[in-house]
Amino acid sequence: MAVALGMDAFSVSLGMGMQRMRLKRIALIGIAIGIFHVIMPFLGILLGKVISDQIGNFAIIASAFLLVAIGAQMIINAFIGDDKKRLQPIGFGLLIIAFTVSLDSFSVGLSLGMSGAKIAIVLFLFGVASTILTWIGLLLGRKVHSFLGVYSEILGGSILCGFGFKIFFG
């Protein structure tokens, strides 16, 4: 389950990695996404013991919408060429991206809270798997960027939009 939740972080980071970024930024993004993949299911586990699955559906829809919005922004900015208006994985932008990617782990946490799983082990594995898969995706995206140049921004935005639509309609 940890690898499955980390795969969405991999997909999103593959698209994000096509932006120019340093290795230090890549390390920070992976750690932030890993931390959110621990926090969100933990909150889901706590709430899962109290409420029903109604919030889980909202979390999935919000995650899909935010991914499509970030992807569309990347595509539009690739044509406009305005780097200042783009949501960068720095500061508040990093928090938004990490939150968006980890929203599906919140809904998984809801079901785990009702199942009685070993919480510490589950959360640790969620964090480690998503961090490693994020780093792999960012590094692969960085390599693709060097091959595609300007078109990598469009491809990265398309990946984010496609993944958002897959979450929404899938």
C-alpha atoms as a PDB file:
ATOM      1  CA  MET A   1       0.000   0.000   0.000  1.00  0.00           C
ATOM      2  CA  ALA A   2       2.906   2.364   0.736  1.00  0.00           C
ATOM      3  CA  VAL A   3       4.348   1.901  -2.755  1.00  0.00           C
ATOM      4  CA  ALA A   4       0.927   2.361  -4.344  1.00  0.00           C
ATOM      5  CA  LEU A   5       0.447   5.675  -2.505  1.00  0.00           C
ATOM      6  CA  GLY A   6       3.993   6.692  -3.392  1.00  0.00           C
ATOM      7  CA  MET A   7       3.363   6.096  -7.094  1.00  0.00           C
ATOM      8  CA  ASP A   8       1.194   9.187  -7.354  1.00  0.00           C
ATOM      9  CA  ALA A   9       4.045  11.165  -5.801  1.00  0.00           C
ATOM     10  CA  PHE A  10       6.334   9.588  -8.417  1.00  0.00           C
ATOM     11  CA  SER A  11       4.017  10.590 -11.275  1.00  0.00           C
ATOM     12  CA  VAL A  12       3.611  14.149 -10.069  1.00  0.00           C
ATOM     13  CA  SER A  13       7.317  14.552  -9.324  1.00  0.00           C
ATOM     14  CA  LEU A  14       8.172  13.277 -12.794  1.00  0.00           C
ATOM     15  CA  GLY A  15       6.258  16.225 -14.199  1.00  0.00           C
ATOM     16  CA  MET A  16       7.698  18.664 -11.652  1.00  0.00           C
ATOM     17  CA  GLY A  17      11.226  17.412 -12.287  1.00  0.00           C
ATOM     18  CA  MET A  18      11.038  18.782 -15.809  1.00  0.00           C
ATOM     19  CA  GLN A  19      11.407  22.269 -14.356  1.00  0.00           C
ATOM     20  CA  ARG A  20      14.956  23.369 -13.690  1.00  0.00           C
ATOM     21  CA  MET A  21      15.888  22.688 -10.068  1.00  0.00           C
ATOM     22  CA  ARG A  22      18.973  21.904  -8.042  1.00  0.00           C
ATOM     23  CA  LEU A  23      19.637  18.676  -6.188  1.00  0.00           C
ATOM     24  CA  LYS A  24      19.150  20.452  -2.853  1.00  0.00           C
ATOM     25  CA  ARG A  25      15.632  21.477  -3.956  1.00  0.00           C
ATOM     26  CA  ILE A  26      14.938  17.908  -5.122  1.00  0.00           C
ATOM     27  CA  ALA A  27      15.970  16.569  -1.703  1.00  0.00           C
ATOM     28  CA  LEU A  28      13.748  19.104   0.063  1.00  0.00           C
ATOM     29  CA  ILE A  29      10.734  18.331  -2.134  1.00  0.00           C
ATOM     30  CA  GLY A  30      11.094  14.592  -1.467  1.00  0.00           C
ATOM     31  CA  ILE A  31      11.321  15.131   2.273  1.00  0.00           C
ATOM     32  CA  ALA A  32       8.322  17.495   2.292  1.00  0.00           C
ATOM     33  CA  ILE A  33       6.173  15.055   0.318  1.00  0.00           C
ATOM     34  CA  GLY A  34       7.312  12.220   2.589  1.00  0.00           C
ATOM     35  CA  ILE A  35       6.361  14.212   5.695  1.00  0.00           C
ATOM     36  CA  PHE A  36       2.930  14.995   4.248  1.00  0.00           C
ATOM     37  CA  HIS A  37       2.500  11.297   3.408  1.00  0.00           C
ATOM     38  CA  VAL A  38       2.917  10.664   7.139  1.00  0.00           C
ATOM     39  CA  ILE A  39       0.809  13.572   8.413  1.00  0.00           C
ATOM     40  CA  MET A  40      -2.191  13.143   6.101  1.00  0.00           C
ATOM     41  CA  PRO A  41      -2.860   9.438   6.740  1.00  0.00           C
ATOM     42  CA  PHE A  42      -2.303  10.060  10.452  1.00  0.00           C
ATOM     43  CA  LEU A  43      -5.015  12.710  10.375  1.00  0.00           C
ATOM     44  CA  GLY A  44      -7.137  10.307   8.344  1.00  0.00           C
ATOM     45  CA  ILE A  45      -6.587   7.557  10.909  1.00  0.00           C
ATOM     46  CA  LEU A  46      -7.623   9.877  13.727  1.00  0.00           C
ATOM     47  CA  LEU A  47     -10.722  11.037  11.877  1.00  0.00           C
ATOM     48  CA  GLY A  48     -11.435   7.520  10.573  1.00  0.00           C
ATOM     49  CA  LYS A  49     -12.144   6.455  14.098  1.00  0.00           C
ATOM     50  CA  VAL A  50     -14.708   9.234  14.416  1.00  0.00           C
ATOM     51  CA  ILE A  51     -16.395   9.842  11.053  1.00  0.00           C
ATOM     52  CA  SER A  52     -17.465   8.003   7.915  1.00  0.00           C
ATOM     53  CA  ASP A  53     -16.087   7.879   4.373  1.00  0.00           C
ATOM     54  CA  GLN A  54     -17.817  11.121   3.299  1.00  0.00           C
ATOM     55  CA  ILE A  55     -14.634  13.200   3.667  1.00  0.00           C
ATOM     56  CA  GLY A  56     -12.590  10.674   1.686  1.00  0.00           C
ATOM     57  CA  ASN A  57     -14.522  11.467  -1.516  1.00  0.00           C
ATOM     58  CA  PHE A  58     -14.022  15.198  -1.020  1.00  0.00           C
ATOM     59  CA  ALA A  59     -10.268  14.727  -0.511  1.00  0.00           C
ATOM     60  CA  ILE A  60      -9.960  12.815  -3.778  1.00  0.00           C
ATOM     61  CA  ILE A  61     -11.904  15.445  -5.756  1.00  0.00           C
ATOM     62  CA  ALA A  62      -9.868  18.295  -4.230  1.00  0.00           C
ATOM     63  CA  SER A  63      -6.609  16.495  -5.023  1.00  0.00           C
ATOM     64  CA  ALA A  64      -7.642  15.959  -8.654  1.00  0.00           C
ATOM     65  CA  PHE A  65      -8.693  19.592  -9.064  1.00  0.00           C
ATOM     66  CA  LEU A  66      -5.444  20.953  -7.610  1.00  0.00           C
ATOM     67  CA  LEU A  67      -3.284  18.697  -9.801  1.00  0.00           C
ATOM     68  CA  VAL A  68      -5.134  19.767 -12.944  1.00  0.00           C
ATOM     69  CA  ALA A  69      -4.803  23.425 -11.922  1.00  0.00           C
ATOM     70  CA  ILE A  70      -1.053  23.149 -11.299  1.00  0.00           C
ATOM     71  CA  GLY A  71      -0.558  21.238 -14.572  1.00  0.00           C
ATOM     72  CA  ALA A  72      -2.594  23.764 -16.554  1.00  0.00           C
ATOM     73  CA  GLN A  73      -0.571  26.572 -15.024  1.00  0.00           C
ATOM     74  CA  MET A  74       2.660  24.862 -16.144  1.00  0.00           C
ATOM     75  CA  ILE A  75       1.347  24.417 -19.703  1.00  0.00           C
ATOM     76  CA  ILE A  76       0.119  28.026 -19.956  1.00  0.00           C
ATOM     77  CA  ASN A  77       3.384  29.378 -18.552  1.00  0.00           C
ATOM     78  CA  ALA A  78       5.350  27.309 -21.089  1.00  0.00           C
ATOM     79  CA  PHE A  79       3.662  29.297 -23.869  1.00  0.00           C
ATOM     80  CA  ILE A  80       3.764  32.643 -22.079  1.00  0.00           C
ATOM     81  CA  GLY A  81       7.282  32.180 -20.697  1.00  0.00           C
ATOM     82  CA  ASP A  82       6.574  34.017 -17.430  1.00  0.00           C
ATOM     83  CA  ASP A  83       8.519  32.159 -14.735  1.00  0.00           C
ATOM     84  CA  LYS A  84       7.499  34.572 -11.968  1.00  0.00           C
ATOM     85  CA  LYS A  85       3.792  33.629 -11.982  1.00  0.00           C
ATOM     86  CA  ARG A  86       4.418  29.878 -11.921  1.00  0.00           C
ATOM     87  CA  LEU A  87       3.766  27.919  -8.731  1.00  0.00           C
ATOM     88  CA  GLN A  88       7.264  26.899  -7.710  1.00  0.00           C
ATOM     89  CA  PRO A  89       8.043  24.068  -5.281  1.00  0.00           C
ATOM     90  CA  ILE A  90       9.465  26.618  -2.838  1.00  0.00           C
ATOM     91  CA  GLY A  91       7.919  27.796   0.423  1.00  0.00           C
ATOM     92  CA  PHE A  92       4.135  27.960   0.246  1.00  0.00           C
ATOM     93  CA  GLY A  93       4.120  26.430  -3.258  1.00  0.00           C
ATOM     94  CA  LEU A  94       5.961  23.387  -1.898  1.00  0.00           C
ATOM     95  CA  LEU A  95       3.410  23.027   0.888  1.00  0.00           C
ATOM     96  CA  ILE A  96       0.538  23.173  -1.619  1.00  0.00           C
ATOM     97  CA  ILE A  97       2.144  20.574  -3.884  1.00  0.00           C
ATOM     98  CA  ALA A  98       3.004  18.234  -0.995  1.00  0.00           C
ATOM     99  CA  PHE A  99      -0.510  18.630   0.412  1.00  0.00           C
ATOM    100  CA  THR A 100      -2.096  17.947  -2.973  1.00  0.00           C
ATOM    101  CA  VAL A 101      -0.057  14.831  -3.624  1.00  0.00           C
ATOM    102  CA  SER A 102      -0.762  13.430  -0.162  1.00  0.00           C
ATOM    103  CA  LEU A 103      -4.539  14.007  -0.121  1.00  0.00           C
ATOM    104  CA  ASP A 104      -5.211  10.471  -1.345  1.00  0.00           C
ATOM    105  CA  SER A 105      -3.247   9.106   1.607  1.00  0.00           C
ATOM    106  CA  PHE A 106      -5.702  10.959   3.854  1.00  0.00           C
ATOM    107  CA  SER A 107      -8.583   8.882   2.526  1.00  0.00           C
ATOM    108  CA  VAL A 108      -6.496   5.715   2.924  1.00  0.00           C
ATOM    109  CA  GLY A 109      -5.871   6.784   6.514  1.00  0.00           C
ATOM    110  CA  LEU A 110      -9.626   7.022   7.047  1.00  0.00           C
ATOM    111  CA  SER A 111     -10.038   3.361   6.180  1.00  0.00           C
ATOM    112  CA  LEU A 112      -6.950   2.373   8.167  1.00  0.00           C
ATOM    113  CA  GLY A 113      -8.386   4.121  11.207  1.00  0.00           C
ATOM    114  CA  MET A 114     -11.380   1.831  11.025  1.00  0.00           C
ATOM    115  CA  SER A 115      -9.334  -1.332  10.396  1.00  0.00           C
ATOM    116  CA  GLY A 116      -6.974  -1.260  13.384  1.00  0.00           C
ATOM    117  CA  ALA A 117      -3.649  -1.416  11.469  1.00  0.00           C
ATOM    118  CA  LYS A 118      -0.287  -0.939  13.206  1.00  0.00           C
ATOM    119  CA  ILE A 119      -0.138   2.830  12.849  1.00  0.00           C
ATOM    120  CA  ALA A 120       3.570   3.524  13.466  1.00  0.00           C
ATOM    121  CA  ILE A 121       4.777   0.982  10.919  1.00  0.00           C
ATOM    122  CA  VAL A 122       2.227   2.031   8.310  1.00  0.00           C
ATOM    123  CA  LEU A 123       3.055   5.737   8.629  1.00  0.00           C
ATOM    124  CA  PHE A 124       6.810   5.090   8.502  1.00  0.00           C
ATOM    125  CA  LEU A 125       6.460   3.017   5.345  1.00  0.00           C
ATOM    126  CA  PHE A 126       4.175   5.614   3.726  1.00  0.00           C
ATOM    127  CA  GLY A 127       6.749   8.350   4.371  1.00  0.00           C
ATOM    128  CA  VAL A 128       9.791   6.383   3.220  1.00  0.00           C
ATOM    129  CA  ALA A 129       8.163   5.014   0.061  1.00  0.00           C
ATOM    130  CA  SER A 130       6.769   8.380  -1.042  1.00  0.00           C
ATOM    131  CA  THR A 131      10.063  10.176  -0.344  1.00  0.00           C
ATOM    132  CA  ILE A 132      12.121   7.690  -2.362  1.00  0.00           C
ATOM    133  CA  LEU A 133       9.633   7.554  -5.230  1.00  0.00           C
ATOM    134  CA  THR A 134       9.469  11.361  -5.304  1.00  0.00           C
ATOM    135  CA  TRP A 135      13.263  11.585  -5.555  1.00  0.00           C
ATOM    136  CA  ILE A 136      13.292   9.022  -8.365  1.00  0.00           C
ATOM    137  CA  GLY A 137      10.564  10.898 -10.255  1.00  0.00           C
ATOM    138  CA  LEU A 138      12.270  14.273  -9.849  1.00  0.00           C
ATOM    139  CA  LEU A 139      15.623  12.907 -11.011  1.00  0.00           C
ATOM    140  CA  LEU A 140      14.064  11.175 -14.017  1.00  0.00           C
ATOM    141  CA  GLY A 141      12.153  14.349 -14.876  1.00  0.00           C
ATOM    142  CA  ARG A 142      15.399  16.282 -14.663  1.00  0.00           C
ATOM    143  CA  LYS A 143      16.998  13.926 -17.202  1.00  0.00           C
ATOM    144  CA  VAL A 144      14.003  14.206 -19.535  1.00  0.00           C
ATOM    145  CA  HIS A 145      14.188  18.007 -19.285  1.00  0.00           C
ATOM    146  CA  SER A 146      17.719  17.971 -20.667  1.00  0.00           C
ATOM    147  CA  PHE A 147      16.482  16.020 -23.727  1.00  0.00           C
ATOM    148  CA  LEU A 148      13.278  17.952 -24.407  1.00  0.00           C
ATOM    149  CA  GLY A 149      14.218  21.495 -23.392  1.00  0.00           C
ATOM    150  CA  VAL A 150      11.244  23.904 -23.562  1.00  0.00           C
ATOM    151  CA  TYR A 151       8.809  21.123 -24.467  1.00  0.00           C
ATOM    152  CA  SER A 152       9.500  19.403 -21.144  1.00  0.00           C
ATOM    153  CA  GLU A 153       7.424  22.078 -19.390  1.00  0.00           C
ATOM    154  CA  ILE A 154       4.430  21.215 -21.578  1.00  0.00           C
ATOM    155  CA  LEU A 155       5.000  17.499 -21.037  1.00  0.00           C
ATOM    156  CA  GLY A 156       5.310  17.984 -17.278  1.00  0.00           C
ATOM    157  CA  GLY A 157       2.097  19.999 -17.130  1.00  0.00           C
ATOM    158  CA  SER A 158       0.352  17.393 -19.271  1.00  0.00           C
ATOM    159  CA  ILE A 159       1.442  14.645 -16.883  1.00  0.00           C
ATOM    160  CA  LEU A 160       0.043  16.564 -13.906  1.00  0.00           C
ATOM    161  CA  CYS A 161      -3.237  17.301 -15.722  1.00  0.00           C
ATOM    162  CA  GLY A 162      -3.539  13.718 -16.900  1.00  0.00           C
ATOM    163  CA  PHE A 163      -2.922  12.374 -13.429  1.00  0.00           C
ATOM    164  CA  GLY A 164      -5.494  14.796 -11.994  1.00  0.00           C
ATOM    165  CA  PHE A 165      -8.090  13.706 -14.578  1.00  0.00           C
ATOM    166  CA  LYS A 166      -7.276  10.055 -13.852  1.00  0.00           C
ATOM    167  CA  ILE A 167      -7.931  10.625 -10.143  1.00  0.00           C
ATOM    168  CA  PHE A 168     -11.144  12.537 -10.871  1.00  0.00           C
ATOM    169  CA  PHE A 169     -12.632  10.173 -13.447  1.00  0.00           C
ATOM    170  CA  GLY A 170     -10.903   6.939 -12.377  1.00  0.00           C
END
